[in-house]
Amino acid sequence: MTHAPTQTCAETSPSCPDQERPCGGCPFARKVDDLVLANDALTELNRQLQLAQAKLVQSEKLASIGQLAAGVAHEINNPVGYVFSNFGSLEKYLGDLFRMLAAYEAAEAQLADTPAAASLAQLREEIDLDFLKEDVPTLMDESREGIRRVHKIVQDLKDFSRVDNRQEWEWTDLHKGIDSTLNIVNNEIKYRADVVREYGTLPDVQCLSSEINQVFMNLLVNAAHAIDKERGTIHVRTGAEDGQVWVEIEDDGCGIPAEHLGRVFDPFFTTKPVGKGTGLGLSLSYGIVQKHGGRLDVESAPGKGTRFRVTIPVAQAEASLA
C-alpha cells in the first residue's frame, strides 16, 4: 500500500501498519484516538454510575434506619407508657405506706417493755429501716430519670428520622434537630469530647429535616473522630443573616492536611483506615446542602482543628420544592 503524505510524522508508533503515513491522516491512528475517547467516556460514565449506586444504597440505608426507628419507637413507647403510668401509682402507694409506717413508729413507744416491742426493734435492725426510708425515694427518682431518658431517646429517634413526614419540605426548628442528633450520636462523642452549644437566634427553616439532620450527624461524628488527644471540645454555633441561617461545627482535633482539603467532598475520598470510612458522608452532605440551595464550607489546618459551616436559605424557592 502506498500513500502520498503531506507531512512527516514527528513520532511514529511501532504498532502503526504504515510507518510513512502521517499520524494525522492514518485510519489506524484515528481508530486509536476514537477508542481512547470512547474509553474515557465509559470510564466517566462508570464513575457516575458508581456514585449514583452509592447514593442509592445510602438512601436505602437511611430509609431503613428511619423505618427501624419508627418501629422501635412504637414498640418501646408502649411499655414505657405502662411504666410511666404504673410509676405514678407506685409513688402514691409508697407515700401511703410511709404514712402508715410513721403511724406505727409513733405507736411503737406505747409498746415499750413488751415482747412485741422487742420483736419490732429486732426487725427494724435486721431490715435497716432508717436506710430504707432514705434509699427508696432515691431509687424512685433514679428510676424516673431512667425512664425519661428512654422516652427522650425514642422521641429523638423519631425526630431524627421523620419517617412520618415522607420527606416533605417543612418549617423546622434547627436547634431541635441539632439537639436530637447530638443525643443520637452521644455515644460517639461523650468519651472523646465536650460539646459546647453557642446558639444564636434562628427562625424556623424550610427544609427536608431528616436530610439536614443527616448532615449534622455526619459532621458531628467526623468531628468526634478527628479528636486525637485524651479529650477535646466540639463547638456548635448557629446564626442567621440576610435571609439565610448557618450552623458551624468546629473541633480542636488533628485537622486536615492542605493537600487533602480540596478533596474532602469527593465521593469515596477518606483519610480513615480501610474499613473505618466509606468516603461518602461529606459527599452526601454536600449534595444535601446543595439541594437546599445552600453551601458547605470547610476551614482546617493540621494540628489546629477543623470548622465546617452549613449555610442554607430560610425559605426555599418554589422551583426547588417541585
C-alpha atoms as a PDB file:
ATOM      1  CA  MET A   1       0.000   0.000   0.000  1.00  0.00           C
ATOM      2  CA  THR A   2       1.366   3.429  -0.935  1.00  0.00           C
ATOM      3  CA  HIS A   3       0.392   6.848   0.357  1.00  0.00           C
ATOM      4  CA  ALA A   4       1.174  10.371  -0.571  1.00  0.00           C
ATOM      5  CA  PRO A   5       1.756  12.020   2.796  1.00  0.00           C
ATOM      6  CA  THR A   6       1.685  15.781   3.012  1.00  0.00           C
ATOM      7  CA  GLN A   7       3.883  15.864   6.096  1.00  0.00           C
ATOM      8  CA  THR A   8       6.225  13.677   8.055  1.00  0.00           C
ATOM      9  CA  CYS A   9       5.318  12.205  11.459  1.00  0.00           C
ATOM     10  CA  ALA A  10       7.394  13.567  14.275  1.00  0.00           C
ATOM     11  CA  GLU A  11       6.977  10.251  16.120  1.00  0.00           C
ATOM     12  CA  THR A  12       5.801   7.018  14.597  1.00  0.00           C
ATOM     13  CA  SER A  13       4.046   4.349  16.617  1.00  0.00           C
ATOM     14  CA  PRO A  14       5.778   0.949  16.324  1.00  0.00           C
ATOM     15  CA  SER A  15       2.341  -0.643  16.008  1.00  0.00           C
ATOM     16  CA  CYS A  16       1.298   1.561  13.067  1.00  0.00           C
ATOM     17  CA  PRO A  17       0.890  -0.545   9.900  1.00  0.00           C
ATOM     18  CA  ASP A  18       2.201   2.321   7.767  1.00  0.00           C
ATOM     19  CA  GLN A  19       5.353   3.898   9.178  1.00  0.00           C
ATOM     20  CA  GLU A  20       5.458   6.561   6.437  1.00  0.00           C
ATOM     21  CA  ARG A  21       1.896   7.963   6.542  1.00  0.00           C
ATOM     22  CA  PRO A  22       1.448  10.963   8.859  1.00  0.00           C
ATOM     23  CA  CYS A  23      -0.392  10.129  12.107  1.00  0.00           C
ATOM     24  CA  GLY A  24      -2.996  12.811  11.481  1.00  0.00           C
ATOM     25  CA  GLY A  25      -4.343  11.022   8.428  1.00  0.00           C
ATOM     26  CA  CYS A  26      -3.733   7.351   9.282  1.00  0.00           C
ATOM     27  CA  PRO A  27      -7.000   5.363   9.747  1.00  0.00           C
ATOM     28  CA  PHE A  28      -5.280   3.284  12.432  1.00  0.00           C
ATOM     29  CA  ALA A  29      -4.370   6.397  14.429  1.00  0.00           C
ATOM     30  CA  ARG A  30      -7.884   7.762  14.088  1.00  0.00           C
ATOM     31  CA  LYS A  31      -9.313   4.485  15.388  1.00  0.00           C
ATOM     32  CA  VAL A  32      -6.910   4.590  18.333  1.00  0.00           C
ATOM     33  CA  ASP A  33      -7.993   8.147  19.102  1.00  0.00           C
ATOM     34  CA  ASP A  34     -11.655   7.158  18.873  1.00  0.00           C
ATOM     35  CA  LEU A  35     -11.068   4.203  21.175  1.00  0.00           C
ATOM     36  CA  VAL A  36      -9.265   6.388  23.715  1.00  0.00           C
ATOM     37  CA  LEU A  37     -12.126   8.901  23.666  1.00  0.00           C
ATOM     38  CA  ALA A  38     -14.691   6.104  23.986  1.00  0.00           C
ATOM     39  CA  ASN A  39     -12.740   4.577  26.875  1.00  0.00           C
ATOM     40  CA  ASP A  40     -12.563   7.938  28.658  1.00  0.00           C
ATOM     41  CA  ALA A  41     -16.307   8.404  28.186  1.00  0.00           C
ATOM     42  CA  LEU A  42     -17.017   4.914  29.523  1.00  0.00           C
ATOM     43  CA  THR A  43     -14.717   5.474  32.483  1.00  0.00           C
ATOM     44  CA  GLU A  44     -16.534   8.695  33.371  1.00  0.00           C
ATOM     45  CA  LEU A  45     -19.920   7.039  32.903  1.00  0.00           C
ATOM     46  CA  ASN A  46     -18.834   4.162  35.136  1.00  0.00           C
ATOM     47  CA  ARG A  47     -17.698   6.627  37.795  1.00  0.00           C
ATOM     48  CA  GLN A  48     -21.048   8.394  37.666  1.00  0.00           C
ATOM     49  CA  LEU A  49     -22.912   5.090  37.859  1.00  0.00           C
ATOM     50  CA  GLN A  50     -20.860   4.037  40.890  1.00  0.00           C
ATOM     51  CA  LEU A  51     -21.620   7.360  42.570  1.00  0.00           C
ATOM     52  CA  ALA A  52     -25.326   7.065  41.754  1.00  0.00           C
ATOM     53  CA  GLN A  53     -25.364   3.496  43.066  1.00  0.00           C
ATOM     54  CA  ALA A  54     -23.584   4.547  46.272  1.00  0.00           C
ATOM     55  CA  LYS A  55     -26.098   7.358  46.815  1.00  0.00           C
ATOM     56  CA  LEU A  56     -28.963   4.957  46.152  1.00  0.00           C
ATOM     57  CA  VAL A  57     -27.537   2.470  48.661  1.00  0.00           C
ATOM     58  CA  GLN A  58     -27.117   5.268  51.198  1.00  0.00           C
ATOM     59  CA  SER A  59     -30.684   6.447  50.590  1.00  0.00           C
ATOM     60  CA  GLU A  60     -31.960   2.922  51.099  1.00  0.00           C
ATOM     61  CA  LYS A  61     -29.947   2.659  54.307  1.00  0.00           C
ATOM     62  CA  LEU A  62     -31.397   5.932  55.567  1.00  0.00           C
ATOM     63  CA  ALA A  63     -34.901   4.782  54.677  1.00  0.00           C
ATOM     64  CA  SER A  64     -34.287   1.508  56.511  1.00  0.00           C
ATOM     65  CA  ILE A  65     -32.930   3.358  59.537  1.00  0.00           C
ATOM     66  CA  GLY A  66     -35.984   5.578  59.507  1.00  0.00           C
ATOM     67  CA  GLN A  67     -38.351   2.625  59.335  1.00  0.00           C
ATOM     68  CA  LEU A  68     -36.400   0.857  62.080  1.00  0.00           C
ATOM     69  CA  ALA A  69     -36.527   3.971  64.255  1.00  0.00           C
ATOM     70  CA  ALA A  70     -40.285   4.270  63.753  1.00  0.00           C
ATOM     71  CA  GLY A  71     -40.773   0.600  64.634  1.00  0.00           C
ATOM     72  CA  VAL A  72     -38.501   0.805  67.665  1.00  0.00           C
ATOM     73  CA  ALA A  73     -40.230   3.976  68.834  1.00  0.00           C
ATOM     74  CA  HIS A  74     -43.638   2.327  68.553  1.00  0.00           C
ATOM     75  CA  GLU A  75     -42.556  -0.859  70.307  1.00  0.00           C
ATOM     76  CA  ILE A  76     -40.732   0.934  73.126  1.00  0.00           C
ATOM     77  CA  ASN A  77     -43.308   3.669  73.671  1.00  0.00           C
ATOM     78  CA  ASN A  78     -45.984   1.166  74.674  1.00  0.00           C
ATOM     79  CA  PRO A  79     -44.086  -0.466  77.587  1.00  0.00           C
ATOM     80  CA  VAL A  80     -42.613   2.878  78.572  1.00  0.00           C
ATOM     81  CA  GLY A  81     -46.175   4.194  78.761  1.00  0.00           C
ATOM     82  CA  TYR A  82     -47.130   1.338  81.089  1.00  0.00           C
ATOM     83  CA  VAL A  83     -44.124   2.020  83.323  1.00  0.00           C
ATOM     84  CA  PHE A  84     -44.885   5.758  83.454  1.00  0.00           C
ATOM     85  CA  SER A  85     -48.487   5.050  84.409  1.00  0.00           C
ATOM     86  CA  ASN A  86     -47.548   2.438  87.000  1.00  0.00           C
ATOM     87  CA  PHE A  87     -44.810   4.662  88.362  1.00  0.00           C
ATOM     88  CA  GLY A  88     -47.299   7.344  89.309  1.00  0.00           C
ATOM     89  CA  SER A  89     -49.453   4.803  91.122  1.00  0.00           C
ATOM     90  CA  LEU A  90     -46.404   3.268  92.820  1.00  0.00           C
ATOM     91  CA  GLU A  91     -45.304   6.660  94.146  1.00  0.00           C
ATOM     92  CA  LYS A  92     -48.774   7.240  95.591  1.00  0.00           C
ATOM     93  CA  TYR A  93     -48.795   3.781  97.200  1.00  0.00           C
ATOM     94  CA  LEU A  94     -45.337   4.331  98.691  1.00  0.00           C
ATOM     95  CA  GLY A  95     -46.473   7.662 100.111  1.00  0.00           C
ATOM     96  CA  ASP A  96     -49.390   5.909 101.784  1.00  0.00           C
ATOM     97  CA  LEU A  97     -47.113   3.157 103.125  1.00  0.00           C
ATOM     98  CA  PHE A  98     -44.670   5.691 104.565  1.00  0.00           C
ATOM     99  CA  ARG A  99     -47.542   7.486 106.289  1.00  0.00           C
ATOM    100  CA  MET A 100     -48.710   4.179 107.768  1.00  0.00           C
ATOM    101  CA  LEU A 101     -45.142   3.352 108.806  1.00  0.00           C
ATOM    102  CA  ALA A 102     -44.848   6.705 110.586  1.00  0.00           C
ATOM    103  CA  ALA A 103     -48.059   5.940 112.478  1.00  0.00           C
ATOM    104  CA  TYR A 104     -46.708   2.538 113.525  1.00  0.00           C
ATOM    105  CA  GLU A 105     -43.457   4.142 114.666  1.00  0.00           C
ATOM    106  CA  ALA A 106     -45.406   6.650 116.743  1.00  0.00           C
ATOM    107  CA  ALA A 107     -47.386   3.811 118.359  1.00  0.00           C
ATOM    108  CA  GLU A 108     -44.260   1.748 118.987  1.00  0.00           C
ATOM    109  CA  ALA A 109     -43.421   3.807 122.072  1.00  0.00           C
ATOM    110  CA  GLN A 110     -46.620   2.627 123.723  1.00  0.00           C
ATOM    111  CA  LEU A 111     -45.397  -0.971 123.416  1.00  0.00           C
ATOM    112  CA  ALA A 112     -42.275  -0.386 125.492  1.00  0.00           C
ATOM    113  CA  ASP A 113     -41.119  -3.251 127.708  1.00  0.00           C
ATOM    114  CA  THR A 114     -43.326  -5.759 125.883  1.00  0.00           C
ATOM    115  CA  PRO A 115     -42.358  -8.807 123.778  1.00  0.00           C
ATOM    116  CA  ALA A 116     -43.901  -7.059 120.732  1.00  0.00           C
ATOM    117  CA  ALA A 117     -41.608  -4.055 121.204  1.00  0.00           C
ATOM    118  CA  ALA A 118     -38.527  -6.278 121.368  1.00  0.00           C
ATOM    119  CA  SER A 119     -39.625  -8.127 118.218  1.00  0.00           C
ATOM    120  CA  LEU A 120     -40.208  -4.862 116.322  1.00  0.00           C
ATOM    121  CA  ALA A 121     -36.835  -3.483 117.401  1.00  0.00           C
ATOM    122  CA  GLN A 122     -35.094  -6.636 116.196  1.00  0.00           C
ATOM    123  CA  LEU A 123     -36.901  -6.493 112.831  1.00  0.00           C
ATOM    124  CA  ARG A 124     -36.099  -2.781 112.442  1.00  0.00           C
ATOM    125  CA  GLU A 125     -32.427  -3.592 112.934  1.00  0.00           C
ATOM    126  CA  GLU A 126     -32.464  -6.544 110.541  1.00  0.00           C
ATOM    127  CA  ILE A 127     -34.008  -4.623 107.634  1.00  0.00           C
ATOM    128  CA  ASP A 128     -32.223  -1.353 108.477  1.00  0.00           C
ATOM    129  CA  LEU A 129     -35.464   0.598 108.301  1.00  0.00           C
ATOM    130  CA  ASP A 130     -33.840   4.019 108.557  1.00  0.00           C
ATOM    131  CA  PHE A 131     -31.689   3.278 105.497  1.00  0.00           C
ATOM    132  CA  LEU A 132     -34.695   2.000 103.530  1.00  0.00           C
ATOM    133  CA  LYS A 133     -36.652   5.183 104.235  1.00  0.00           C
ATOM    134  CA  GLU A 134     -33.769   7.200 102.775  1.00  0.00           C
ATOM    135  CA  ASP A 135     -32.909   4.926  99.859  1.00  0.00           C
ATOM    136  CA  VAL A 136     -36.336   4.094  98.463  1.00  0.00           C
ATOM    137  CA  PRO A 137     -37.105   7.711  97.401  1.00  0.00           C
ATOM    138  CA  THR A 138     -33.630   7.947  95.832  1.00  0.00           C
ATOM    139  CA  LEU A 139     -34.193   4.753  93.868  1.00  0.00           C
ATOM    140  CA  MET A 140     -37.562   6.065  92.703  1.00  0.00           C
ATOM    141  CA  ASP A 141     -36.000   9.314  91.495  1.00  0.00           C
ATOM    142  CA  GLU A 142     -33.227   7.468  89.618  1.00  0.00           C
ATOM    143  CA  SER A 143     -35.747   5.101  88.042  1.00  0.00           C
ATOM    144  CA  ARG A 144     -37.932   8.012  86.956  1.00  0.00           C
ATOM    145  CA  GLU A 145     -34.924   9.727  85.364  1.00  0.00           C
ATOM    146  CA  GLY A 146     -34.005   6.491  83.548  1.00  0.00           C
ATOM    147  CA  ILE A 147     -37.493   6.209  82.093  1.00  0.00           C
ATOM    148  CA  ARG A 148     -37.385   9.857  80.998  1.00  0.00           C
ATOM    149  CA  ARG A 149     -34.097   9.218  79.199  1.00  0.00           C
ATOM    150  CA  VAL A 150     -35.536   6.235  77.347  1.00  0.00           C
ATOM    151  CA  HIS A 151     -38.541   8.335  76.351  1.00  0.00           C
ATOM    152  CA  LYS A 152     -36.258  11.172  75.179  1.00  0.00           C
ATOM    153  CA  ILE A 153     -34.082   8.849  73.096  1.00  0.00           C
ATOM    154  CA  VAL A 154     -37.125   7.340  71.417  1.00  0.00           C
ATOM    155  CA  GLN A 155     -38.520  10.797  70.683  1.00  0.00           C
ATOM    156  CA  ASP A 156     -35.155  11.895  69.282  1.00  0.00           C
ATOM    157  CA  LEU A 157     -35.076   8.856  67.008  1.00  0.00           C
ATOM    158  CA  LYS A 158     -38.483   9.866  65.669  1.00  0.00           C
ATOM    159  CA  ASP A 159     -37.390  13.486  65.223  1.00  0.00           C
ATOM    160  CA  PHE A 160     -34.159  12.399  63.550  1.00  0.00           C
ATOM    161  CA  SER A 161     -35.749  10.060  61.025  1.00  0.00           C
ATOM    162  CA  ARG A 162     -39.024  11.938  60.487  1.00  0.00           C
ATOM    163  CA  VAL A 163     -40.364   8.911  58.607  1.00  0.00           C
ATOM    164  CA  ASP A 164     -43.925  10.007  59.182  1.00  0.00           C
ATOM    165  CA  ASN A 165     -43.374  13.174  57.123  1.00  0.00           C
ATOM    166  CA  ARG A 166     -42.426  11.279  53.949  1.00  0.00           C
ATOM    167  CA  GLN A 167     -39.598  13.628  53.095  1.00  0.00           C
ATOM    168  CA  GLU A 168     -41.792  16.699  52.675  1.00  0.00           C
ATOM    169  CA  TRP A 169     -40.429  20.220  52.827  1.00  0.00           C
ATOM    170  CA  GLU A 170     -41.471  21.672  56.162  1.00  0.00           C
ATOM    171  CA  TRP A 171     -40.707  24.529  58.517  1.00  0.00           C
ATOM    172  CA  THR A 172     -38.276  23.190  61.085  1.00  0.00           C
ATOM    173  CA  ASP A 173     -36.560  24.287  64.291  1.00  0.00           C
ATOM    174  CA  LEU A 174     -32.894  23.559  63.500  1.00  0.00           C
ATOM    175  CA  HIS A 175     -31.882  23.778  67.158  1.00  0.00           C
ATOM    176  CA  LYS A 176     -34.275  20.963  67.971  1.00  0.00           C
ATOM    177  CA  GLY A 177     -32.786  18.934  65.101  1.00  0.00           C
ATOM    178  CA  ILE A 178     -29.240  19.551  66.331  1.00  0.00           C
ATOM    179  CA  ASP A 179     -30.150  18.592  69.911  1.00  0.00           C
ATOM    180  CA  SER A 180     -31.893  15.413  68.743  1.00  0.00           C
ATOM    181  CA  THR A 181     -28.903  14.476  66.590  1.00  0.00           C
ATOM    182  CA  LEU A 182     -26.473  15.144  69.446  1.00  0.00           C
ATOM    183  CA  ASN A 183     -28.489  12.779  71.600  1.00  0.00           C
ATOM    184  CA  ILE A 184     -28.431  10.117  68.879  1.00  0.00           C
ATOM    185  CA  VAL A 185     -24.632  10.315  68.409  1.00  0.00           C
ATOM    186  CA  ASN A 186     -23.905  10.856  72.099  1.00  0.00           C
ATOM    187  CA  ASN A 187     -22.117   7.510  72.375  1.00  0.00           C
ATOM    188  CA  GLU A 188     -19.679   8.557  69.612  1.00  0.00           C
ATOM    189  CA  ILE A 189     -18.888  11.866  71.316  1.00  0.00           C
ATOM    190  CA  LYS A 190     -19.142  11.503  75.090  1.00  0.00           C
ATOM    191  CA  TYR A 191     -15.846   9.613  75.532  1.00  0.00           C
ATOM    192  CA  ARG A 192     -13.928  11.908  73.176  1.00  0.00           C
ATOM    193  CA  ALA A 193     -15.077  15.492  73.597  1.00  0.00           C
ATOM    194  CA  ASP A 194     -17.228  18.032  75.398  1.00  0.00           C
ATOM    195  CA  VAL A 195     -19.878  19.736  73.287  1.00  0.00           C
ATOM    196  CA  VAL A 196     -20.308  23.498  73.679  1.00  0.00           C
ATOM    197  CA  ARG A 197     -23.541  24.885  72.244  1.00  0.00           C
ATOM    198  CA  GLU A 198     -23.342  28.518  71.155  1.00  0.00           C
ATOM    199  CA  TYR A 199     -26.803  29.020  69.694  1.00  0.00           C
ATOM    200  CA  GLY A 200     -27.913  32.258  68.143  1.00  0.00           C
ATOM    201  CA  THR A 201     -31.488  33.258  67.374  1.00  0.00           C
ATOM    202  CA  LEU A 202     -32.813  31.257  64.425  1.00  0.00           C
ATOM    203  CA  PRO A 203     -36.124  31.417  62.591  1.00  0.00           C
ATOM    204  CA  ASP A 204     -37.810  28.200  61.527  1.00  0.00           C
ATOM    205  CA  VAL A 205     -36.260  26.977  58.269  1.00  0.00           C
ATOM    206  CA  GLN A 206     -37.989  25.377  55.288  1.00  0.00           C
ATOM    207  CA  CYS A 207     -36.099  22.151  54.674  1.00  0.00           C
ATOM    208  CA  LEU A 208     -36.112  18.369  54.491  1.00  0.00           C
ATOM    209  CA  SER A 209     -35.492  17.896  58.190  1.00  0.00           C
ATOM    210  CA  SER A 210     -34.329  14.268  58.093  1.00  0.00           C
ATOM    211  CA  GLU A 211     -31.711  15.084  55.433  1.00  0.00           C
ATOM    212  CA  ILE A 212     -30.459  18.165  57.284  1.00  0.00           C
ATOM    213  CA  ASN A 213     -30.216  16.057  60.449  1.00  0.00           C
ATOM    214  CA  GLN A 214     -28.144  13.574  58.428  1.00  0.00           C
ATOM    215  CA  VAL A 215     -25.727  16.400  57.573  1.00  0.00           C
ATOM    216  CA  PHE A 216     -25.437  17.355  61.243  1.00  0.00           C
ATOM    217  CA  MET A 217     -24.836  13.717  62.170  1.00  0.00           C
ATOM    218  CA  ASN A 218     -22.041  13.285  59.616  1.00  0.00           C
ATOM    219  CA  LEU A 219     -20.296  16.483  60.698  1.00  0.00           C
ATOM    220  CA  LEU A 220     -20.599  15.715  64.418  1.00  0.00           C
ATOM    221  CA  VAL A 221     -19.316  12.143  64.065  1.00  0.00           C
ATOM    222  CA  ASN A 222     -16.413  13.340  61.900  1.00  0.00           C
ATOM    223  CA  ALA A 223     -15.596  15.994  64.499  1.00  0.00           C
ATOM    224  CA  ALA A 224     -15.536  13.362  67.249  1.00  0.00           C
ATOM    225  CA  HIS A 225     -13.322  11.043  65.184  1.00  0.00           C
ATOM    226  CA  ALA A 226     -10.905  13.911  64.498  1.00  0.00           C
ATOM    227  CA  ILE A 227     -10.111  14.323  68.217  1.00  0.00           C
ATOM    228  CA  ASP A 228      -6.612  12.897  68.616  1.00  0.00           C
ATOM    229  CA  LYS A 229      -5.985  13.747  72.279  1.00  0.00           C
ATOM    230  CA  GLU A 230      -7.362  12.480  75.570  1.00  0.00           C
ATOM    231  CA  ARG A 231     -10.332  14.843  75.424  1.00  0.00           C
ATOM    232  CA  GLY A 232     -11.283  17.606  73.050  1.00  0.00           C
ATOM    233  CA  THR A 233     -14.011  20.168  72.510  1.00  0.00           C
ATOM    234  CA  ILE A 234     -16.641  20.437  69.786  1.00  0.00           C
ATOM    235  CA  HIS A 235     -18.299  23.828  69.334  1.00  0.00           C
ATOM    236  CA  VAL A 236     -21.724  24.021  67.701  1.00  0.00           C
ATOM    237  CA  ARG A 237     -22.637  27.563  66.675  1.00  0.00           C
ATOM    238  CA  THR A 238     -25.671  28.941  64.875  1.00  0.00           C
ATOM    239  CA  GLY A 239     -26.732  32.277  63.458  1.00  0.00           C
ATOM    240  CA  ALA A 240     -28.858  33.999  60.835  1.00  0.00           C
ATOM    241  CA  GLU A 241     -28.311  36.878  58.429  1.00  0.00           C
ATOM    242  CA  ASP A 242     -29.627  38.149  55.089  1.00  0.00           C
ATOM    243  CA  GLY A 243     -32.375  35.548  54.754  1.00  0.00           C
ATOM    244  CA  GLN A 244     -30.013  32.655  55.493  1.00  0.00           C
ATOM    245  CA  VAL A 245     -29.131  30.565  58.524  1.00  0.00           C
ATOM    246  CA  TRP A 246     -25.790  28.972  59.279  1.00  0.00           C
ATOM    247  CA  VAL A 247     -24.598  26.172  61.524  1.00  0.00           C
ATOM    248  CA  GLU A 248     -20.925  25.729  62.389  1.00  0.00           C
ATOM    249  CA  ILE A 249     -19.405  22.570  63.829  1.00  0.00           C
ATOM    250  CA  GLU A 250     -15.799  23.049  64.925  1.00  0.00           C
ATOM    251  CA  ASP A 251     -13.422  20.606  66.579  1.00  0.00           C
ATOM    252  CA  ASP A 252      -9.933  21.022  68.036  1.00  0.00           C
ATOM    253  CA  GLY A 253      -8.700  17.751  66.582  1.00  0.00           C
ATOM    254  CA  CYS A 254      -5.962  16.746  64.190  1.00  0.00           C
ATOM    255  CA  GLY A 255      -7.057  18.950  61.286  1.00  0.00           C
ATOM    256  CA  ILE A 256      -6.914  18.218  57.556  1.00  0.00           C
ATOM    257  CA  PRO A 257      -3.668  18.482  55.544  1.00  0.00           C
ATOM    258  CA  ALA A 258      -3.711  21.157  52.830  1.00  0.00           C
ATOM    259  CA  GLU A 259      -3.264  18.566  50.069  1.00  0.00           C
ATOM    260  CA  HIS A 260      -6.462  16.803  51.191  1.00  0.00           C
ATOM    261  CA  LEU A 261      -8.601  19.853  51.924  1.00  0.00           C
ATOM    262  CA  GLY A 262      -9.729  20.267  48.322  1.00  0.00           C
ATOM    263  CA  ARG A 263     -10.882  16.652  48.104  1.00  0.00           C
ATOM    264  CA  VAL A 264     -12.887  16.200  51.308  1.00  0.00           C
ATOM    265  CA  PHE A 265     -16.197  16.413  49.424  1.00  0.00           C
ATOM    266  CA  ASP A 266     -15.116  13.991  46.683  1.00  0.00           C
ATOM    267  CA  PRO A 267     -17.054  10.707  46.659  1.00  0.00           C
ATOM    268  CA  PHE A 268     -15.130   7.781  48.194  1.00  0.00           C
ATOM    269  CA  PHE A 269     -12.285  10.026  49.413  1.00  0.00           C
ATOM    270  CA  THR A 270     -11.354   9.291  53.008  1.00  0.00           C
ATOM    271  CA  THR A 271      -8.269   9.549  55.186  1.00  0.00           C
ATOM    272  CA  LYS A 272      -9.623   6.943  57.613  1.00  0.00           C
ATOM    273  CA  PRO A 273      -8.129   3.436  57.692  1.00  0.00           C
ATOM    274  CA  VAL A 274      -9.604   0.775  55.430  1.00  0.00           C
ATOM    275  CA  GLY A 275     -12.941  -0.392  56.790  1.00  0.00           C
ATOM    276  CA  LYS A 276     -13.392   2.688  59.002  1.00  0.00           C
ATOM    277  CA  GLY A 277     -14.995   5.023  56.482  1.00  0.00           C
ATOM    278  CA  THR A 278     -16.708   4.928  53.094  1.00  0.00           C
ATOM    279  CA  GLY A 279     -15.748   8.410  51.955  1.00  0.00           C
ATOM    280  CA  LEU A 280     -19.414   9.149  51.248  1.00  0.00           C
ATOM    281  CA  GLY A 281     -20.508  11.078  54.354  1.00  0.00           C
ATOM    282  CA  LEU A 282     -19.210  14.505  53.363  1.00  0.00           C
ATOM    283  CA  SER A 283     -20.054  13.963  49.693  1.00  0.00           C
ATOM    284  CA  LEU A 284     -23.672  13.165  50.540  1.00  0.00           C
ATOM    285  CA  SER A 285     -23.786  16.068  52.991  1.00  0.00           C
ATOM    286  CA  TYR A 286     -22.516  18.408  50.285  1.00  0.00           C
ATOM    287  CA  GLY A 287     -25.235  17.175  47.919  1.00  0.00           C
ATOM    288  CA  ILE A 288     -27.966  17.619  50.549  1.00  0.00           C
ATOM    289  CA  VAL A 289     -26.875  21.191  51.287  1.00  0.00           C
ATOM    290  CA  GLN A 290     -26.762  21.982  47.563  1.00  0.00           C
ATOM    291  CA  LYS A 291     -30.280  20.547  47.167  1.00  0.00           C
ATOM    292  CA  HIS A 292     -31.362  23.099  49.775  1.00  0.00           C
ATOM    293  CA  GLY A 293     -29.803  25.913  47.754  1.00  0.00           C
ATOM    294  CA  GLY A 294     -27.012  26.364  50.273  1.00  0.00           C
ATOM    295  CA  ARG A 295     -23.309  25.736  50.606  1.00  0.00           C
ATOM    296  CA  LEU A 296     -20.989  23.688  52.790  1.00  0.00           C
ATOM    297  CA  ASP A 297     -17.637  25.318  53.580  1.00  0.00           C
ATOM    298  CA  VAL A 298     -14.619  23.969  55.411  1.00  0.00           C
ATOM    299  CA  GLU A 299     -11.585  25.555  57.058  1.00  0.00           C
ATOM    300  CA  SER A 300      -8.839  23.470  58.588  1.00  0.00           C
ATOM    301  CA  ALA A 301      -5.174  23.350  59.485  1.00  0.00           C
ATOM    302  CA  PRO A 302      -3.145  20.363  60.722  1.00  0.00           C
ATOM    303  CA  GLY A 303      -2.955  20.321  64.496  1.00  0.00           C
ATOM    304  CA  LYS A 304      -5.461  23.178  64.882  1.00  0.00           C
ATOM    305  CA  GLY A 305      -8.782  21.508  64.160  1.00  0.00           C
ATOM    306  CA  THR A 306     -11.494  21.840  61.531  1.00  0.00           C
ATOM    307  CA  ARG A 307     -14.563  24.015  61.108  1.00  0.00           C
ATOM    308  CA  PHE A 308     -17.457  23.141  58.800  1.00  0.00           C
ATOM    309  CA  ARG A 309     -20.181  25.701  58.103  1.00  0.00           C
ATOM    310  CA  VAL A 310     -23.586  24.818  56.664  1.00  0.00           C
ATOM    311  CA  THR A 311     -25.442  27.778  55.152  1.00  0.00           C
ATOM    312  CA  ILE A 312     -28.959  27.412  53.756  1.00  0.00           C
ATOM    313  CA  PRO A 313     -31.747  29.865  52.918  1.00  0.00           C
ATOM    314  CA  VAL A 314     -34.576  30.317  55.396  1.00  0.00           C
ATOM    315  CA  ALA A 315     -37.184  29.793  52.666  1.00  0.00           C
ATOM    316  CA  GLN A 316     -36.904  27.689  49.533  1.00  0.00           C
ATOM    317  CA  ALA A 317     -37.662  28.967  46.048  1.00  0.00           C
ATOM    318  CA  GLU A 318     -40.836  27.478  44.586  1.00  0.00           C
ATOM    319  CA  ALA A 319     -38.861  25.708  41.837  1.00  0.00           C
ATOM    320  CA  SER A 320     -36.763  23.753  44.348  1.00  0.00           C
ATOM    321  CA  LEU A 321     -39.881  22.447  46.091  1.00  0.00           C
ATOM    322  CA  ALA A 322     -41.263  20.827  42.942  1.00  0.00           C
END
